[in-house]
Amino acid sequence: LEADDDVLVERLLERGKESGRTDDQDENKIRNRFEEYNQKTAPLRAFYATQGKFHSVNGIGDIDEITKRMSKVIDSL
C-alpha cells in the first residue's frame, strides 16, 4: 500500500490516541520508523519488482476503495 508520509503520520497519531500506544503518539518516533523502513525494507521493492512480484496499491481513501484496489491486483495474479 502506498501513501504519503504525512498522511501516514496523521493516521498513526490518530491511532495512538485511541490505542494508547506511546510509539504512535510521537511524530519523531513515527518518522524514525519511516526512515528505518526506507533504509532497510524499501530497497526490496525494486528486487521484487524486477521479478514481477511487487504490486503497488494506492492506500489513500476509504476502506472500501482501498479494498477494491487490492482485490483488483490480487485478481490479476
N, C-alpha and C. Protein backbone atom coordinates (compact mmCIF):
# COMPACT_ATOMS: atom_id res chain seq x y z
N LEU A 1 0.85 -1.18 0.00
CA LEU A 1 0.00 0.00 0.00
C LEU A 1 0.89 1.23 0.00
N GLU A 2 0.58 2.16 -0.86
CA GLU A 2 1.34 3.39 -0.99
C GLU A 2 0.53 4.54 -0.40
N ALA A 3 1.20 5.36 0.40
CA ALA A 3 0.58 6.56 0.94
C ALA A 3 1.68 7.55 1.30
N ASP A 4 1.37 8.82 1.19
CA ASP A 4 2.31 9.87 1.53
C ASP A 4 2.65 9.80 3.02
N ASP A 5 3.91 10.08 3.35
CA ASP A 5 4.35 10.02 4.74
C ASP A 5 3.50 10.89 5.66
N ASP A 6 3.13 12.09 5.20
CA ASP A 6 2.34 12.98 6.05
C ASP A 6 0.96 12.39 6.36
N VAL A 7 0.38 11.72 5.39
CA VAL A 7 -0.92 11.05 5.60
C VAL A 7 -0.74 9.93 6.62
N LEU A 8 0.33 9.16 6.48
CA LEU A 8 0.58 8.07 7.42
C LEU A 8 0.83 8.58 8.83
N VAL A 9 1.58 9.67 8.95
CA VAL A 9 1.82 10.25 10.28
C VAL A 9 0.50 10.63 10.92
N GLU A 10 -0.35 11.29 10.16
CA GLU A 10 -1.66 11.69 10.68
C GLU A 10 -2.47 10.47 11.14
N ARG A 11 -2.48 9.43 10.33
CA ARG A 11 -3.23 8.21 10.68
C ARG A 11 -2.67 7.58 11.95
N LEU A 12 -1.35 7.50 12.04
CA LEU A 12 -0.73 6.86 13.20
C LEU A 12 -0.94 7.68 14.47
N LEU A 13 -0.87 9.00 14.36
CA LEU A 13 -1.13 9.85 15.53
C LEU A 13 -2.56 9.65 16.03
N GLU A 14 -3.51 9.53 15.10
CA GLU A 14 -4.90 9.25 15.50
C GLU A 14 -5.01 7.88 16.15
N ARG A 15 -4.34 6.89 15.57
CA ARG A 15 -4.36 5.54 16.15
C ARG A 15 -3.77 5.57 17.56
N GLY A 16 -2.72 6.36 17.73
CA GLY A 16 -2.08 6.45 19.04
C GLY A 16 -3.01 7.00 20.11
N LYS A 17 -3.87 7.93 19.72
CA LYS A 17 -4.83 8.49 20.67
C LYS A 17 -5.82 7.42 21.14
N GLU A 18 -6.25 6.58 20.20
CA GLU A 18 -7.26 5.57 20.51
C GLU A 18 -6.68 4.33 21.17
N SER A 19 -5.48 3.94 20.73
CA SER A 19 -4.91 2.68 21.21
C SER A 19 -4.09 2.83 22.48
N GLY A 20 -3.60 4.05 22.72
CA GLY A 20 -2.72 4.25 23.87
C GLY A 20 -1.28 3.86 23.60
N ARG A 21 -0.98 3.45 22.37
CA ARG A 21 0.40 3.07 22.01
C ARG A 21 1.27 4.32 22.02
N THR A 22 2.22 4.36 22.91
CA THR A 22 3.06 5.55 23.04
C THR A 22 3.92 5.78 21.81
N ASP A 23 4.32 4.72 21.11
CA ASP A 23 5.15 4.91 19.92
C ASP A 23 4.35 5.49 18.75
N ASP A 24 3.03 5.48 18.83
CA ASP A 24 2.19 6.10 17.82
C ASP A 24 1.69 7.48 18.26
N GLN A 25 2.22 7.99 19.35
CA GLN A 25 1.81 9.31 19.84
C GLN A 25 2.91 10.34 19.67
N ASP A 26 4.04 9.94 19.13
CA ASP A 26 5.20 10.81 19.00
C ASP A 26 5.60 10.87 17.52
N GLU A 27 5.43 12.04 16.91
CA GLU A 27 5.71 12.16 15.48
C GLU A 27 7.17 11.85 15.15
N ASN A 28 8.10 12.23 16.02
CA ASN A 28 9.51 11.93 15.75
C ASN A 28 9.76 10.42 15.71
N LYS A 29 9.15 9.69 16.61
CA LYS A 29 9.30 8.23 16.61
C LYS A 29 8.71 7.62 15.34
N ILE A 30 7.58 8.14 14.93
CA ILE A 30 6.93 7.64 13.71
C ILE A 30 7.83 7.89 12.51
N ARG A 31 8.36 9.11 12.40
CA ARG A 31 9.22 9.44 11.26
C ARG A 31 10.51 8.64 11.29
N ASN A 32 11.02 8.33 12.48
CA ASN A 32 12.20 7.47 12.58
C ASN A 32 11.89 6.07 12.07
N ARG A 33 10.69 5.57 12.34
CA ARG A 33 10.29 4.26 11.81
C ARG A 33 10.24 4.29 10.29
N PHE A 34 9.74 5.39 9.72
CA PHE A 34 9.71 5.52 8.26
C PHE A 34 11.12 5.52 7.69
N GLU A 35 12.02 6.23 8.35
CA GLU A 35 13.41 6.28 7.89
C GLU A 35 14.03 4.88 7.91
N GLU A 36 13.78 4.17 8.99
CA GLU A 36 14.28 2.79 9.12
C GLU A 36 13.70 1.91 7.99
N TYR A 37 12.42 2.05 7.75
CA TYR A 37 11.77 1.30 6.67
C TYR A 37 12.41 1.64 5.32
N ASN A 38 12.58 2.93 5.06
CA ASN A 38 13.14 3.36 3.77
C ASN A 38 14.57 2.87 3.56
N GLN A 39 15.32 2.74 4.62
CA GLN A 39 16.71 2.28 4.51
C GLN A 39 16.81 0.76 4.40
N LYS A 40 15.98 0.05 5.12
CA LYS A 40 16.16 -1.40 5.24
C LYS A 40 15.15 -2.25 4.47
N THR A 41 13.95 -1.77 4.32
CA THR A 41 12.90 -2.59 3.71
C THR A 41 12.54 -2.13 2.30
N ALA A 42 12.42 -0.84 2.10
CA ALA A 42 12.02 -0.31 0.79
C ALA A 42 12.90 -0.79 -0.36
N PRO A 43 14.21 -0.97 -0.16
CA PRO A 43 15.04 -1.46 -1.27
C PRO A 43 14.58 -2.81 -1.83
N LEU A 44 13.88 -3.59 -1.06
CA LEU A 44 13.38 -4.88 -1.56
C LEU A 44 12.32 -4.69 -2.64
N ARG A 45 11.71 -3.53 -2.65
CA ARG A 45 10.69 -3.23 -3.64
C ARG A 45 11.23 -3.42 -5.06
N ALA A 46 12.39 -2.84 -5.34
CA ALA A 46 12.99 -2.95 -6.68
C ALA A 46 13.35 -4.40 -6.99
N PHE A 47 13.86 -5.10 -6.01
CA PHE A 47 14.22 -6.51 -6.19
C PHE A 47 13.01 -7.33 -6.64
N TYR A 48 11.91 -7.18 -5.92
CA TYR A 48 10.71 -7.94 -6.25
C TYR A 48 10.02 -7.41 -7.51
N ALA A 49 10.12 -6.11 -7.76
CA ALA A 49 9.51 -5.54 -8.97
C ALA A 49 10.15 -6.12 -10.22
N THR A 50 11.46 -6.31 -10.20
CA THR A 50 12.13 -6.88 -11.37
C THR A 50 11.69 -8.31 -11.65
N GLN A 51 11.16 -8.97 -10.64
CA GLN A 51 10.67 -10.34 -10.78
C GLN A 51 9.16 -10.38 -11.03
N GLY A 52 8.54 -9.21 -11.09
CA GLY A 52 7.09 -9.14 -11.28
C GLY A 52 6.31 -9.55 -10.04
N LYS A 53 6.96 -9.47 -8.88
CA LYS A 53 6.33 -9.90 -7.63
C LYS A 53 5.92 -8.74 -6.73
N PHE A 54 6.09 -7.52 -7.20
CA PHE A 54 5.70 -6.35 -6.40
C PHE A 54 4.57 -5.63 -7.13
N HIS A 55 3.51 -5.35 -6.41
CA HIS A 55 2.36 -4.65 -6.98
C HIS A 55 1.96 -3.54 -6.03
N SER A 56 2.08 -2.32 -6.49
CA SER A 56 1.76 -1.15 -5.67
C SER A 56 0.25 -0.90 -5.71
N VAL A 57 -0.29 -0.52 -4.56
CA VAL A 57 -1.71 -0.19 -4.45
C VAL A 57 -1.81 1.13 -3.70
N ASN A 58 -2.58 2.06 -4.26
CA ASN A 58 -2.79 3.36 -3.61
C ASN A 58 -3.55 3.13 -2.29
N GLY A 59 -2.95 3.55 -1.19
CA GLY A 59 -3.54 3.36 0.13
C GLY A 59 -4.30 4.56 0.65
N ILE A 60 -4.63 5.51 -0.22
CA ILE A 60 -5.37 6.70 0.19
C ILE A 60 -6.83 6.50 -0.19
N GLY A 61 -7.71 6.79 0.75
CA GLY A 61 -9.15 6.67 0.50
C GLY A 61 -9.80 5.90 1.63
N ASP A 62 -11.07 5.61 1.44
CA ASP A 62 -11.75 4.85 2.50
C ASP A 62 -11.48 3.36 2.33
N ILE A 63 -11.85 2.60 3.32
CA ILE A 63 -11.52 1.17 3.36
C ILE A 63 -12.08 0.44 2.14
N ASP A 64 -13.31 0.77 1.74
CA ASP A 64 -13.91 0.09 0.59
C ASP A 64 -13.13 0.36 -0.70
N GLU A 65 -12.71 1.61 -0.89
CA GLU A 65 -11.95 1.95 -2.09
C GLU A 65 -10.62 1.20 -2.14
N ILE A 66 -9.93 1.20 -1.02
CA ILE A 66 -8.62 0.54 -0.95
C ILE A 66 -8.79 -0.96 -1.15
N THR A 67 -9.81 -1.53 -0.54
CA THR A 67 -10.07 -2.97 -0.68
C THR A 67 -10.33 -3.33 -2.14
N LYS A 68 -11.08 -2.49 -2.85
CA LYS A 68 -11.35 -2.74 -4.27
C LYS A 68 -10.05 -2.72 -5.07
N ARG A 69 -9.18 -1.75 -4.76
CA ARG A 69 -7.90 -1.67 -5.48
C ARG A 69 -7.05 -2.91 -5.20
N MET A 70 -7.02 -3.33 -3.95
CA MET A 70 -6.24 -4.52 -3.60
C MET A 70 -6.81 -5.76 -4.27
N SER A 71 -8.12 -5.89 -4.28
CA SER A 71 -8.77 -7.05 -4.91
C SER A 71 -8.47 -7.10 -6.40
N LYS A 72 -8.44 -5.93 -7.04
CA LYS A 72 -8.14 -5.88 -8.47
C LYS A 72 -6.74 -6.42 -8.75
N VAL A 73 -5.78 -6.04 -7.91
CA VAL A 73 -4.41 -6.54 -8.09
C VAL A 73 -4.37 -8.04 -7.84
N ILE A 74 -4.99 -8.49 -6.76
CA ILE A 74 -4.98 -9.92 -6.42
C ILE A 74 -5.65 -10.74 -7.52
N ASP A 75 -6.78 -10.25 -8.02
CA ASP A 75 -7.50 -10.97 -9.07
C ASP A 75 -6.69 -11.07 -10.37
N SER A 76 -5.78 -10.13 -10.57
CA SER A 76 -4.98 -10.13 -11.80
C SER A 76 -3.79 -11.09 -11.72
N LEU A 77 -3.55 -11.65 -10.56
CA LEU A 77 -2.39 -12.54 -10.40
C LEU A 77 -2.68 -13.95 -10.88
